[in-house]
C-alpha atoms as a PDB file:
ATOM      1  CA  MET A   1    -101.095  52.435-116.410  1.00  0.00           C
ATOM      2  CA  ILE A   2    -103.282  49.874-117.085  1.00  0.00           C
ATOM      3  CA  ARG A   3    -102.236  47.444-119.366  1.00  0.00           C
ATOM      4  CA  ARG A   4    -103.540  44.855-122.087  1.00  0.00           C
ATOM      5  CA  PHE A   5    -102.316  41.662-121.999  1.00  0.00           C
ATOM      6  CA  VAL A   6     -98.669  40.694-124.212  1.00  0.00           C
ATOM      7  CA  GLY A   7     -99.749  40.676-128.076  1.00  0.00           C
ATOM      8  CA  VAL A   8    -102.837  43.207-127.918  1.00  0.00           C
ATOM      9  CA  VAL A   9    -101.462  47.303-128.110  1.00  0.00           C
ATOM     10  CA  ALA A  10    -101.143  48.402-124.991  1.00  0.00           C
ATOM     11  CA  LEU A  11    -103.408  51.281-123.555  1.00  0.00           C
ATOM     12  CA  SER A  12    -102.340  54.000-121.220  1.00  0.00           C
ATOM     13  CA  LEU A  13    -104.674  55.859-118.999  1.00  0.00           C
ATOM     14  CA  ILE A  14    -102.475  58.308-117.843  1.00  0.00           C
ATOM     15  CA  VAL A  15    -103.112  61.169-120.140  1.00  0.00           C
ATOM     16  CA  VAL A  16    -105.733  60.393-121.872  1.00  0.00           C
ATOM     17  CA  THR A  17    -108.958  62.750-123.622  1.00  0.00           C
ATOM     18  CA  PRO A  18    -112.479  62.219-121.873  1.00  0.00           C
ATOM     19  CA  SER A  19    -113.497  60.249-124.792  1.00  0.00           C
ATOM     20  CA  LEU A  20    -110.612  57.780-124.757  1.00  0.00           C
ATOM     21  CA  GLY A  21    -111.107  57.096-120.546  1.00  0.00           C
ATOM     22  CA  GLN A  22    -114.361  55.713-121.789  1.00  0.00           C
ATOM     23  CA  ASP A  23    -113.040  53.637-124.720  1.00  0.00           C
ATOM     24  CA  TRP A  24    -111.315  51.367-122.842  1.00  0.00           C
ATOM     25  CA  ALA A  25    -114.240  50.391-120.727  1.00  0.00           C
ATOM     26  CA  GLN A  26    -116.611  49.884-123.480  1.00  0.00           C
ATOM     27  CA  LYS A  27    -114.355  47.489-124.777  1.00  0.00           C
ATOM     28  CA  MET A  28    -114.965  45.337-121.780  1.00  0.00           C
ATOM     29  CA  PHE A  29    -118.861  44.886-123.504  1.00  0.00           C
ATOM     30  CA  LYS A  30    -119.414  42.802-126.454  1.00  0.00           C
ATOM     31  CA  VAL A  31    -123.232  43.914-126.408  1.00  0.00           C
ATOM     32  CA  THR A  32    -124.324  46.999-125.432  1.00  0.00           C
ATOM     33  CA  ASP A  33    -128.028  47.252-127.191  1.00  0.00           C
ATOM     34  CA  HIS A  34    -130.492  44.502-126.317  1.00  0.00           C
ATOM     35  CA  ASP A  35    -134.114  44.267-127.781  1.00  0.00           C
ATOM     36  CA  PHE A  36    -137.011  42.400-125.927  1.00  0.00           C
ATOM     37  CA  GLY A  37    -139.686  42.479-128.495  1.00  0.00           C
ATOM     38  CA  SER A  38    -142.774  41.918-127.842  1.00  0.00           C
ATOM     39  CA  VAL A  39    -143.351  40.303-124.102  1.00  0.00           C
ATOM     40  CA  ALA A  40    -146.228  38.932-122.337  1.00  0.00           C
ATOM     41  CA  ARG A  41    -147.194  41.195-119.361  1.00  0.00           C
ATOM     42  CA  GLY A  42    -145.979  39.479-116.494  1.00  0.00           C
ATOM     43  CA  ALA A  43    -143.553  37.446-118.438  1.00  0.00           C
ATOM     44  CA  LYS A  44    -139.667  36.957-116.709  1.00  0.00           C
ATOM     45  CA  ALA A  45    -137.683  39.518-118.909  1.00  0.00           C
ATOM     46  CA  GLU A  46    -134.087  39.365-118.645  1.00  0.00           C
ATOM     47  CA  PHE A  47    -130.910  40.324-120.658  1.00  0.00           C
ATOM     48  CA  SER A  48    -127.211  40.078-119.288  1.00  0.00           C
ATOM     49  CA  PHE A  49    -124.567  42.564-120.548  1.00  0.00           C
ATOM     50  CA  VAL A  50    -121.349  40.250-119.868  1.00  0.00           C
ATOM     51  CA  CYS A  51    -118.622  42.298-118.963  1.00  0.00           C
ATOM     52  CA  GLU A  52    -114.996  40.273-119.444  1.00  0.00           C
ATOM     53  CA  ASN A  53    -112.339  42.217-117.597  1.00  0.00           C
ATOM     54  CA  ILE A  54    -109.345  41.603-120.695  1.00  0.00           C
ATOM     55  CA  PHE A  55    -106.562  43.849-118.686  1.00  0.00           C
ATOM     56  CA  LEU A  56    -104.121  43.253-115.998  1.00  0.00           C
ATOM     57  CA  GLU A  57    -105.276  45.369-113.342  1.00  0.00           C
ATOM     58  CA  ASP A  58    -108.759  44.703-111.254  1.00  0.00           C
ATOM     59  CA  VAL A  59    -111.806  46.006-112.367  1.00  0.00           C
ATOM     60  CA  HIS A  60    -114.857  47.217-110.139  1.00  0.00           C
ATOM     61  CA  LEU A  61    -118.247  47.785-111.461  1.00  0.00           C
ATOM     62  CA  ALA A  62    -119.188  49.948-108.830  1.00  0.00           C
ATOM     63  CA  SER A  63    -123.005  50.562-109.601  1.00  0.00           C
ATOM     64  CA  VAL A  64    -125.730  50.917-112.327  1.00  0.00           C
ATOM     65  CA  ARG A  65    -128.474  53.279-112.989  1.00  0.00           C
ATOM     66  CA  THR A  66    -131.498  53.312-114.952  1.00  0.00           C
ATOM     67  CA  SER A  67    -133.205  56.299-116.814  1.00  0.00           C
ATOM     68  CA  CYS A  68    -136.374  54.770-117.183  1.00  0.00           C
ATOM     69  CA  GLY A  69    -138.524  52.546-114.094  1.00  0.00           C
ATOM     70  CA  CYS A  70    -139.609  50.584-117.251  1.00  0.00           C
ATOM     71  CA  THR A  71    -135.905  47.911-116.368  1.00  0.00           C
ATOM     72  CA  THR A  72    -134.645  47.825-112.895  1.00  0.00           C
ATOM     73  CA  PRO A  73    -130.827  46.751-113.559  1.00  0.00           C
ATOM     74  CA  ARG A  74    -128.340  45.098-111.177  1.00  0.00           C
ATOM     75  CA  VAL A  75    -124.397  44.137-110.982  1.00  0.00           C
ATOM     76  CA  GLU A  76    -123.387  40.661-110.900  1.00  0.00           C
ATOM     77  CA  ASN A  77    -119.586  39.991-109.788  1.00  0.00           C
ATOM     78  CA  GLY A  78    -118.815  43.240-109.663  1.00  0.00           C
ATOM     79  CA  LEU A  79    -115.125  42.890-108.364  1.00  0.00           C
ATOM     80  CA  LEU A  80    -113.168  41.170-111.848  1.00  0.00           C
ATOM     81  CA  LYS A  81    -109.936  40.260-111.578  1.00  0.00           C
ATOM     82  CA  THR A  82    -108.029  39.319-115.021  1.00  0.00           C
ATOM     83  CA  TYR A  83    -110.506  37.497-117.188  1.00  0.00           C
ATOM     84  CA  ASP A  84    -113.384  37.232-114.787  1.00  0.00           C
ATOM     85  CA  LYS A  85    -116.815  38.577-115.813  1.00  0.00           C
ATOM     86  CA  GLY A  86    -119.391  39.995-114.643  1.00  0.00           C
ATOM     87  CA  ALA A  87    -122.624  41.244-115.995  1.00  0.00           C
ATOM     88  CA  ILE A  88    -125.065  44.426-115.925  1.00  0.00           C
ATOM     89  CA  VAL A  89    -128.599  42.042-115.689  1.00  0.00           C
ATOM     90  CA  ALA A  90    -131.538  44.324-116.763  1.00  0.00           C
ATOM     91  CA  HIS A  91    -134.771  43.346-115.844  1.00  0.00           C
ATOM     92  CA  PHE A  92    -138.118  44.581-117.530  1.00  0.00           C
ATOM     93  CA  ASN A  93    -140.378  45.617-115.436  1.00  0.00           C
ATOM     94  CA  THR A  94    -143.615  43.856-117.655  1.00  0.00           C
ATOM     95  CA  ASP A  95    -145.597  43.407-114.054  1.00  0.00           C
ATOM     96  CA  SER A  96    -146.137  47.237-113.453  1.00  0.00           C
ATOM     97  CA  PHE A  97    -145.490  48.641-117.039  1.00  0.00           C
ATOM     98  CA  THR A  98    -147.127  48.344-120.883  1.00  0.00           C
ATOM     99  CA  GLY A  99    -146.353  49.406-124.228  1.00  0.00           C
ATOM    100  CA  PRO A 100    -143.136  50.301-126.346  1.00  0.00           C
ATOM    101  CA  HIS A 101    -140.323  51.366-123.465  1.00  0.00           C
ATOM    102  CA  GLY A 102    -137.098  52.012-123.478  1.00  0.00           C
ATOM    103  CA  ALA A 103    -133.637  52.817-121.252  1.00  0.00           C
ATOM    104  CA  THR A 104    -131.236  53.366-121.127  1.00  0.00           C
ATOM    105  CA  LEU A 105    -128.263  52.074-118.395  1.00  0.00           C
ATOM    106  CA  THR A 106    -125.313  53.725-117.114  1.00  0.00           C
ATOM    107  CA  VAL A 107    -122.462  51.855-115.747  1.00  0.00           C
ATOM    108  CA  THR A 108    -120.285  53.545-113.368  1.00  0.00           C
ATOM    109  CA  ILE A 109    -116.747  52.381-113.376  1.00  0.00           C
ATOM    110  CA  ASP A 110    -114.563  53.444-109.904  1.00  0.00           C
ATOM    111  CA  LYS A 111    -111.338  51.090-110.800  1.00  0.00           C
ATOM    112  CA  PRO A 112    -108.664  51.067-111.585  1.00  0.00           C
ATOM    113  CA  PHE A 113    -110.280  54.416-113.528  1.00  0.00           C
ATOM    114  CA  PHE A 114    -113.317  56.032-113.106  1.00  0.00           C
ATOM    115  CA  ALA A 115    -114.879  55.784-116.234  1.00  0.00           C
ATOM    116  CA  GLU A 116    -118.918  55.541-117.550  1.00  0.00           C
ATOM    117  CA  VAL A 117    -120.006  52.505-120.032  1.00  0.00           C
ATOM    118  CA  GLN A 118    -123.708  52.797-121.543  1.00  0.00           C
ATOM    119  CA  LEU A 119    -126.434  50.047-122.452  1.00  0.00           C
ATOM    120  CA  HIS A 120    -129.655  50.421-124.054  1.00  0.00           C
ATOM    121  CA  VAL A 121    -132.667  48.270-124.147  1.00  0.00           C
ATOM    122  CA  LYS A 122    -136.290  47.776-125.467  1.00  0.00           C
ATOM    123  CA  GLY A 123    -139.059  46.331-125.660  1.00  0.00           C
ATOM    124  CA  ASP A 124    -143.195  46.317-126.480  1.00  0.00           C
ATOM    125  CA  ILE A 125    -145.087  44.850-123.279  1.00  0.00           C
ATOM    126  CA  ARG A 126    -148.655  43.082-124.221  1.00  0.00           C
ATOM    127  CA  ASN A 127    -151.358  43.693-121.859  1.00  0.00           C
ATOM    128  CA  ASP A 128    -153.189  41.262-123.649  1.00  0.00           C
ATOM    129  CA  VAL A 129    -150.826  38.188-123.136  1.00  0.00           C
ATOM    130  CA  VAL A 130    -150.176  37.422-119.561  1.00  0.00           C
ATOM    131  CA  VAL A 131    -147.681  34.638-118.693  1.00  0.00           C
ATOM    132  CA  ASP A 132    -148.140  32.677-115.533  1.00  0.00           C
ATOM    133  CA  PRO A 133    -145.931  32.203-113.620  1.00  0.00           C
ATOM    134  CA  GLY A 134    -143.410  34.892-115.793  1.00  0.00           C
ATOM    135  CA  SER A 135    -140.945  31.927-116.582  1.00  0.00           C
ATOM    136  CA  VAL A 136    -140.815  27.906-116.405  1.00  0.00           C
ATOM    137  CA  GLN A 137    -139.096  27.457-113.518  1.00  0.00           C
ATOM    138  CA  TYR A 138    -136.825  24.586-113.175  1.00  0.00           C
ATOM    139  CA  GLY A 139    -134.671  25.376-110.277  1.00  0.00           C
ATOM    140  CA  SER A 140    -131.703  22.914-109.709  1.00  0.00           C
ATOM    141  CA  ILE A 141    -132.207  19.744-111.507  1.00  0.00           C
ATOM    142  CA  ASP A 142    -129.932  16.617-111.583  1.00  0.00           C
ATOM    143  CA  GLN A 143    -128.108  15.476-114.837  1.00  0.00           C
ATOM    144  CA  GLY A 144    -128.948  12.585-116.980  1.00  0.00           C
ATOM    145  CA  ILE A 145    -133.014  12.747-115.639  1.00  0.00           C
ATOM    146  CA  ALA A 146    -135.842  14.277-117.693  1.00  0.00           C
ATOM    147  CA  TYR A 147    -138.083  17.217-116.312  1.00  0.00           C
ATOM    148  CA  ASP A 148    -141.680  18.189-116.916  1.00  0.00           C
ATOM    149  CA  GLN A 149    -142.663  21.730-115.992  1.00  0.00           C
ATOM    150  CA  HIS A 150    -145.741  23.751-117.334  1.00  0.00           C
ATOM    151  CA  VAL A 151    -147.058  27.730-116.934  1.00  0.00           C
ATOM    152  CA  THR A 152    -150.138  29.147-117.663  1.00  0.00           C
ATOM    153  CA  VAL A 153    -150.801  31.307-121.340  1.00  0.00           C
ATOM    154  CA  ASN A 154    -153.952  33.724-120.743  1.00  0.00           C
ATOM    155  CA  TYR A 155    -154.811  36.042-123.508  1.00  0.00           C
ATOM    156  CA  GLY A 156    -157.895  38.650-124.218  1.00  0.00           C
ATOM    157  CA  GLY A 157    -158.667  39.905-127.248  1.00  0.00           C
ATOM    158  CA  SER A 158    -160.105  38.528-130.640  1.00  0.00           C
ATOM    159  CA  SER A 159    -162.091  35.500-130.622  1.00  0.00           C
ATOM    160  CA  GLY A 160    -160.282  34.025-132.971  1.00  0.00           C
ATOM    161  CA  TRP A 161    -156.185  34.378-131.165  1.00  0.00           C
ATOM    162  CA  GLN A 162    -154.200  30.752-131.129  1.00  0.00           C
ATOM    163  CA  ILE A 163    -150.438  29.860-130.412  1.00  0.00           C
ATOM    164  CA  LEU A 164    -149.410  27.667-133.316  1.00  0.00           C
ATOM    165  CA  ASP A 165    -146.533  26.283-132.435  1.00  0.00           C
ATOM    166  CA  VAL A 166    -143.609  26.847-129.961  1.00  0.00           C
ATOM    167  CA  LYS A 167    -140.175  26.793-131.166  1.00  0.00           C
ATOM    168  CA  SER A 168    -136.968  26.083-128.871  1.00  0.00           C
ATOM    169  CA  PHE A 169    -133.542  26.998-129.973  1.00  0.00           C
ATOM    170  CA  ASN A 170    -132.310  24.879-127.537  1.00  0.00           C
ATOM    171  CA  PRO A 171    -132.212  20.603-128.770  1.00  0.00           C
ATOM    172  CA  HIS A 172    -132.675  19.597-125.144  1.00  0.00           C
ATOM    173  CA  ILE A 173    -135.743  21.337-124.586  1.00  0.00           C
ATOM    174  CA  SER A 174    -138.949  20.847-126.622  1.00  0.00           C
ATOM    175  CA  ALA A 175    -142.330  22.745-125.501  1.00  0.00           C
ATOM    176  CA  LYS A 176    -146.312  21.791-126.564  1.00  0.00           C
ATOM    177  CA  ALA A 177    -149.074  23.993-126.373  1.00  0.00           C
ATOM    178  CA  VAL A 178    -152.352  22.962-125.496  1.00  0.00           C
ATOM    179  CA  GLU A 179    -155.480  24.502-125.475  1.00  0.00           C
ATOM    180  CA  ALA A 180    -157.417  24.811-122.244  1.00  0.00           C
ATOM    181  CA  SER A 181    -160.555  27.060-122.592  1.00  0.00           C
ATOM    182  CA  ARG A 182    -161.573  29.531-124.767  1.00  0.00           C
ATOM    183  CA  THR A 183    -164.485  31.928-123.990  1.00  0.00           C
ATOM    184  CA  ASP A 184    -165.709  35.187-125.202  1.00  0.00           C
ATOM    185  CA  GLY A 185    -162.120  36.372-126.036  1.00  0.00           C
ATOM    186  CA  GLN A 186    -160.747  34.548-123.125  1.00  0.00           C
ATOM    187  CA  ILE A 187    -158.128  31.690-124.226  1.00  0.00           C
ATOM    188  CA  SER A 188    -155.806  30.196-121.976  1.00  0.00           C
ATOM    189  CA  TYR A 189    -153.391  27.664-123.375  1.00  0.00           C
ATOM    190  CA  THR A 190    -151.177  25.437-120.841  1.00  0.00           C
ATOM    191  CA  LEU A 191    -147.768  25.316-122.376  1.00  0.00           C
ATOM    192  CA  ASN A 192    -146.194  22.342-121.423  1.00  0.00           C
ATOM    193  CA  VAL A 193    -142.039  22.115-121.308  1.00  0.00           C
ATOM    194  CA  ARG A 194    -139.711  19.261-121.194  1.00  0.00           C
ATOM    195  CA  VAL A 195    -136.085  19.145-120.210  1.00  0.00           C
ATOM    196  CA  ASP A 196    -134.540  15.547-121.566  1.00  0.00           C
ATOM    197  CA  ALA A 197    -131.855  13.850-119.691  1.00  0.00           C
ATOM    198  CA  LYS A 198    -129.525  14.421-122.145  1.00  0.00           C
ATOM    199  CA  THR A 199    -129.173  17.759-121.301  1.00  0.00           C
ATOM    200  CA  PRO A 200    -125.742  19.096-120.345  1.00  0.00           C
ATOM    201  CA  ALA A 201    -124.822  20.578-116.918  1.00  0.00           C
ATOM    202  CA  GLY A 202    -124.479  24.153-116.504  1.00  0.00           C
ATOM    203  CA  TYR A 203    -127.740  26.883-116.267  1.00  0.00           C
ATOM    204  CA  LEU A 204    -130.965  26.830-118.174  1.00  0.00           C
ATOM    205  CA  ASN A 205    -131.047  30.551-119.604  1.00  0.00           C
ATOM    206  CA  ASP A 206    -133.287  30.062-122.876  1.00  0.00           C
ATOM    207  CA  HIS A 207    -136.219  31.636-124.393  1.00  0.00           C
ATOM    208  CA  LEU A 208    -138.737  29.132-125.986  1.00  0.00           C
ATOM    209  CA  ILE A 209    -141.097  31.094-128.441  1.00  0.00           C
ATOM    210  CA  LEU A 210    -145.013  30.892-129.005  1.00  0.00           C
ATOM    211  CA  VAL A 211    -145.650  31.588-132.187  1.00  0.00           C
ATOM    212  CA  THR A 212    -149.516  32.844-132.763  1.00  0.00           C
ATOM    213  CA  ASN A 213    -151.586  34.322-135.880  1.00  0.00           C
ATOM    214  CA  ASP A 214    -151.472  37.393-134.325  1.00  0.00           C
ATOM    215  CA  ALA A 215    -149.933  39.769-137.320  1.00  0.00           C
ATOM    216  CA  SER A 216    -149.167  42.149-135.115  1.00  0.00           C
ATOM    217  CA  ALA A 217    -147.284  41.013-133.051  1.00  0.00           C
ATOM    218  CA  SER A 218    -146.562  36.831-134.070  1.00  0.00           C
ATOM    219  CA  GLN A 219    -144.207  35.877-131.559  1.00  0.00           C
ATOM    220  CA  ILE A 220    -144.179  36.115-128.004  1.00  0.00           C
ATOM    221  CA  PRO A 221    -140.948  34.801-126.287  1.00  0.00           C
ATOM    222  CA  VAL A 222    -141.301  32.747-122.483  1.00  0.00           C
ATOM    223  CA  LEU A 223    -138.155  32.179-120.732  1.00  0.00           C
ATOM    224  CA  VAL A 224    -136.197  28.572-119.326  1.00  0.00           C
ATOM    225  CA  GLU A 225    -133.987  28.847-116.159  1.00  0.00           C
ATOM    226  CA  GLY A 226    -132.603  26.217-114.351  1.00  0.00           C
ATOM    227  CA  GLN A 227    -129.404  24.935-112.887  1.00  0.00           C
ATOM    228  CA  VAL A 228    -128.527  21.101-114.360  1.00  0.00           C
ATOM    229  CA  MET A 229    -126.530  19.744-111.448  1.00  0.00           C
ATOM    230  CA  PRO A 230    -123.526  17.032-112.643  1.00  0.00           C
ATOM    231  CA  GLY A 231    -122.924  14.262-110.804  1.00  0.00           C
ATOM    232  CA  ILE A 232    -119.675  15.550-110.085  1.00  0.00           C
ATOM    233  CA  THR A 233    -118.398  19.464-110.126  1.00  0.00           C
ATOM    234  CA  VAL A 234    -115.134  20.832-110.244  1.00  0.00           C
ATOM    235  CA  ASN A 235    -114.354  24.476-108.407  1.00  0.00           C
ATOM    236  CA  PRO A 236    -112.525  26.888-109.875  1.00  0.00           C
ATOM    237  CA  THR A 237    -114.887  26.698-113.530  1.00  0.00           C
ATOM    238  CA  ALA A 238    -112.456  27.957-114.921  1.00  0.00           C
ATOM    239  CA  LEU A 239    -108.644  28.301-114.001  1.00  0.00           C
ATOM    240  CA  PHE A 240    -106.290  30.954-114.047  1.00  0.00           C
ATOM    241  CA  MET A 241    -102.897  30.068-112.941  1.00  0.00           C
ATOM    242  CA  GLY A 242    -101.735  34.074-113.160  1.00  0.00           C
ATOM    243  CA  VAL A 243     -98.972  35.541-114.717  1.00  0.00           C
ATOM    244  CA  VAL A 244     -96.111  34.279-114.898  1.00  0.00           C
ATOM    245  CA  GLN A 245     -92.202  34.582-116.002  1.00  0.00           C
ATOM    246  CA  PRO A 246     -90.584  32.495-118.862  1.00  0.00           C
ATOM    247  CA  GLY A 247     -89.385  29.390-117.613  1.00  0.00           C
ATOM    248  CA  GLN A 248     -91.586  30.025-113.945  1.00  0.00           C
ATOM    249  CA  LYS A 249     -93.958  26.672-112.508  1.00  0.00           C
ATOM    250  CA  VAL A 250     -97.217  27.790-110.484  1.00  0.00           C
ATOM    251  CA  THR A 251     -99.072  24.864-108.674  1.00  0.00           C
ATOM    252  CA  LYS A 252    -102.791  25.531-108.160  1.00  0.00           C
ATOM    253  CA  GLN A 253    -105.277  23.191-106.883  1.00  0.00           C
ATOM    254  CA  LEU A 254    -108.716  22.133-108.474  1.00  0.00           C
ATOM    255  CA  VAL A 255    -111.700  20.287-106.370  1.00  0.00           C
ATOM    256  CA  VAL A 256    -113.303  18.052-107.437  1.00  0.00           C
ATOM    257  CA  LYS A 257    -116.940  16.419-105.458  1.00  0.00           C
ATOM    258  CA  SER A 258    -119.681  14.138-105.809  1.00  0.00           C
ATOM    259  CA  LYS A 259    -122.831  13.636-103.603  1.00  0.00           C
ATOM    260  CA  LYS A 260    -120.977   9.337-103.704  1.00  0.00           C
ATOM    261  CA  PRO A 261    -117.804   8.535-103.372  1.00  0.00           C
ATOM    262  CA  PHE A 262    -115.711   8.343-106.237  1.00  0.00           C
ATOM    263  CA  LYS A 263    -112.020   7.668-108.210  1.00  0.00           C
ATOM    264  CA  ILE A 264    -110.273   9.752-110.530  1.00  0.00           C
ATOM    265  CA  LEU A 265    -109.289   7.738-113.435  1.00  0.00           C
ATOM    266  CA  GLY A 266    -107.521  10.086-115.322  1.00  0.00           C
ATOM    267  CA  VAL A 267    -107.079  14.423-115.594  1.00  0.00           C
ATOM    268  CA  SER A 268    -105.409  15.228-119.123  1.00  0.00           C
ATOM    269  CA  CYS A 269    -104.803  18.568-121.238  1.00  0.00           C
ATOM    270  CA  GLU A 270    -103.485  19.084-124.822  1.00  0.00           C
ATOM    271  CA  ASP A 271    -100.524  21.030-123.477  1.00  0.00           C
ATOM    272  CA  LYS A 272     -97.588  19.523-121.906  1.00  0.00           C
ATOM    273  CA  SER A 273     -96.978  22.303-119.802  1.00  0.00           C
ATOM    274  CA  PHE A 274     -99.722  21.575-117.687  1.00  0.00           C
ATOM    275  CA  GLN A 275     -99.233  18.848-115.541  1.00  0.00           C
ATOM    276  CA  PHE A 276    -101.529  16.804-112.701  1.00  0.00           C
ATOM    277  CA  ASP A 277    -101.419  14.769-109.416  1.00  0.00           C
ATOM    278  CA  THR A 278    -103.533  12.057-109.270  1.00  0.00           C
ATOM    279  CA  SER A 279    -101.492  10.091-106.886  1.00  0.00           C
ATOM    280  CA  LYS A 280    -104.171  10.559-104.010  1.00  0.00           C
ATOM    281  CA  ALA A 281    -107.500  10.250-106.272  1.00  0.00           C
ATOM    282  CA  SER A 282    -107.063   6.575-106.627  1.00  0.00           C
ATOM    283  CA  THR A 283    -108.672   6.179-103.505  1.00  0.00           C
ATOM    284  CA  PRO A 284    -112.673   6.641-103.240  1.00  0.00           C
ATOM    285  CA  LYS A 285    -114.279   9.748-102.078  1.00  0.00           C
ATOM    286  CA  GLU A 286    -116.196  11.887-102.312  1.00  0.00           C
ATOM    287  CA  LEU A 287    -113.806  15.271-102.824  1.00  0.00           C
ATOM    288  CA  HIS A 288    -110.585  14.933-103.954  1.00  0.00           C
ATOM    289  CA  LEU A 289    -108.068  17.498-104.494  1.00  0.00           C
ATOM    290  CA  VAL A 290    -106.022  17.965-107.949  1.00  0.00           C
ATOM    291  CA  PRO A 291    -102.887  19.461-107.737  1.00  0.00           C
ATOM    292  CA  VAL A 292    -102.029  21.484-111.295  1.00  0.00           C
ATOM    293  CA  THR A 293     -98.908  22.661-112.158  1.00  0.00           C
ATOM    294  CA  PHE A 294     -98.181  25.125-114.926  1.00  0.00           C
ATOM    295  CA  THR A 295     -94.672  25.342-116.116  1.00  0.00           C
ATOM    296  CA  ALA A 296     -93.838  28.231-118.128  1.00  0.00           C
ATOM    297  CA  GLY A 297     -92.679  28.262-121.898  1.00  0.00           C
ATOM    298  CA  ALA A 298     -90.176  30.947-123.725  1.00  0.00           C
ATOM    299  CA  ASP A 299     -92.766  32.056-125.674  1.00  0.00           C
ATOM    300  CA  ALA A 300     -94.793  35.401-124.187  1.00  0.00           C
ATOM    301  CA  GLY A 301     -98.250  35.619-124.576  1.00  0.00           C
ATOM    302  CA  LYS A 302    -101.684  34.438-123.234  1.00  0.00           C
ATOM    303  CA  VAL A 303    -102.045  30.501-122.815  1.00  0.00           C
ATOM    304  CA  MET A 304    -105.373  28.979-123.209  1.00  0.00           C
ATOM    305  CA  LYS A 305    -106.090  25.680-122.709  1.00  0.00           C
ATOM    306  CA  THR A 306    -109.557  22.892-121.368  1.00  0.00           C
ATOM    307  CA  ILE A 307    -108.597  20.169-118.768  1.00  0.00           C
ATOM    308  CA  LYS A 308    -110.441  17.225-119.232  1.00  0.00           C
ATOM    309  CA  ILE A 309    -111.136  14.965-115.805  1.00  0.00           C
ATOM    310  CA  THR A 310    -112.444  11.026-116.172  1.00  0.00           C
ATOM    311  CA  THR A 311    -113.377   8.956-113.039  1.00  0.00           C
ATOM    312  CA  ASP A 312    -114.804   5.584-112.245  1.00  0.00           C
ATOM    313  CA  GLN A 313    -118.790   6.846-112.520  1.00  0.00           C
ATOM    314  CA  GLY A 314    -119.220   6.615-116.606  1.00  0.00           C
ATOM    315  CA  GLN A 315    -119.161  10.474-117.275  1.00  0.00           C
ATOM    316  CA  MET A 316    -116.746  12.859-117.536  1.00  0.00           C
ATOM    317  CA  THR A 317    -116.725  15.944-115.500  1.00  0.00           C
ATOM    318  CA  PRO A 318    -117.481  19.290-117.244  1.00  0.00           C
ATOM    319  CA  GLU A 319    -114.777  20.923-118.864  1.00  0.00           C
ATOM    320  CA  LEU A 320    -112.482  23.437-117.952  1.00  0.00           C
ATOM    321  CA  ALA A 321    -110.818  26.315-119.296  1.00  0.00           C
ATOM    322  CA  ALA A 322    -106.870  27.028-118.036  1.00  0.00           C
ATOM    323  CA  TYR A 323    -105.830  30.191-118.423  1.00  0.00           C
ATOM    324  CA  ALA A 324    -102.027  31.677-117.980  1.00  0.00           C
ATOM    325  CA  VAL A 325    -100.136  35.090-119.056  1.00  0.00           C
ATOM    326  CA  VAL A 326     -96.635  35.056-120.014  1.00  0.00           C
ATOM    327  CA  ALA A 327     -94.998  37.918-119.722  1.00  0.00           C
ATOM    328  CA  ALA A 328     -92.219  39.489-122.217  1.00  0.00           C
ATOM    329  CA  ALA A 329     -88.725  38.472-120.989  1.00  0.00           C
ATOM    330  CA  HIS A 330     -86.909  41.493-119.291  1.00  0.00           C
END
């Protein structure tokens, strides 16, 4: 039997119809369709279909296949324990296809039971607009510093074509398109992009939208990607304390580290069921081990809280989620 958590209707797969067998697996995907829209030739276009294991049993994403060579899929983090997240990443092959295309991606799951989930992508790859390189790549950058990067946008067609504006949906990313050349229908722009010093730590995976005067396809997305590294990191980034009985205590460990010695001033959580041992954290070190003890209450169900860590470096480390599941008393 595959079991959902306390408070959620149980799902039995011992004797099921084929449709029910697929249903439990599909529930792990919140999104199953994606439209890339109109994209430039050569632009990096990827979308991650996130899969979260909402069951007590381990789930294994065994493979994924595509119905069209226009899309290359891959599995990221295929073995999912409870609350773990993986993804099916769909890469739209804009360097080798043009025009409207679509694909069905079939995900095969072989544990705890066999199932298949179908995902769908589509988009229109323009042959008159080329982004070089295919995305704005920042790589690994340090938090607290502003970084600039640029790509080239080339157009071949109407001599009156223009980029009118660049929209960003991330307040920490700004961009401006500057016309570099315009001769005989060959037009080139430099897209200057800035990630500001207040950008929070984490992955960058955002799209800028080039707004053009082309009535048939006025918006062209450009991917911005990278990773902003905090001064202090915590591992794991999400702490699962396990499935415990009422009143049971379980202890796990956080690894907190930096490139230079630091002190931990405090660790806090709004739920007193989580306790922290910081007795060895007062000496400056590049790495601290912080034991976290969770004491399960009497109420069965999922516990999900936030842990915060403060240091003598004048900054708050990234917050991390702490999870536990309290089983029903027998």
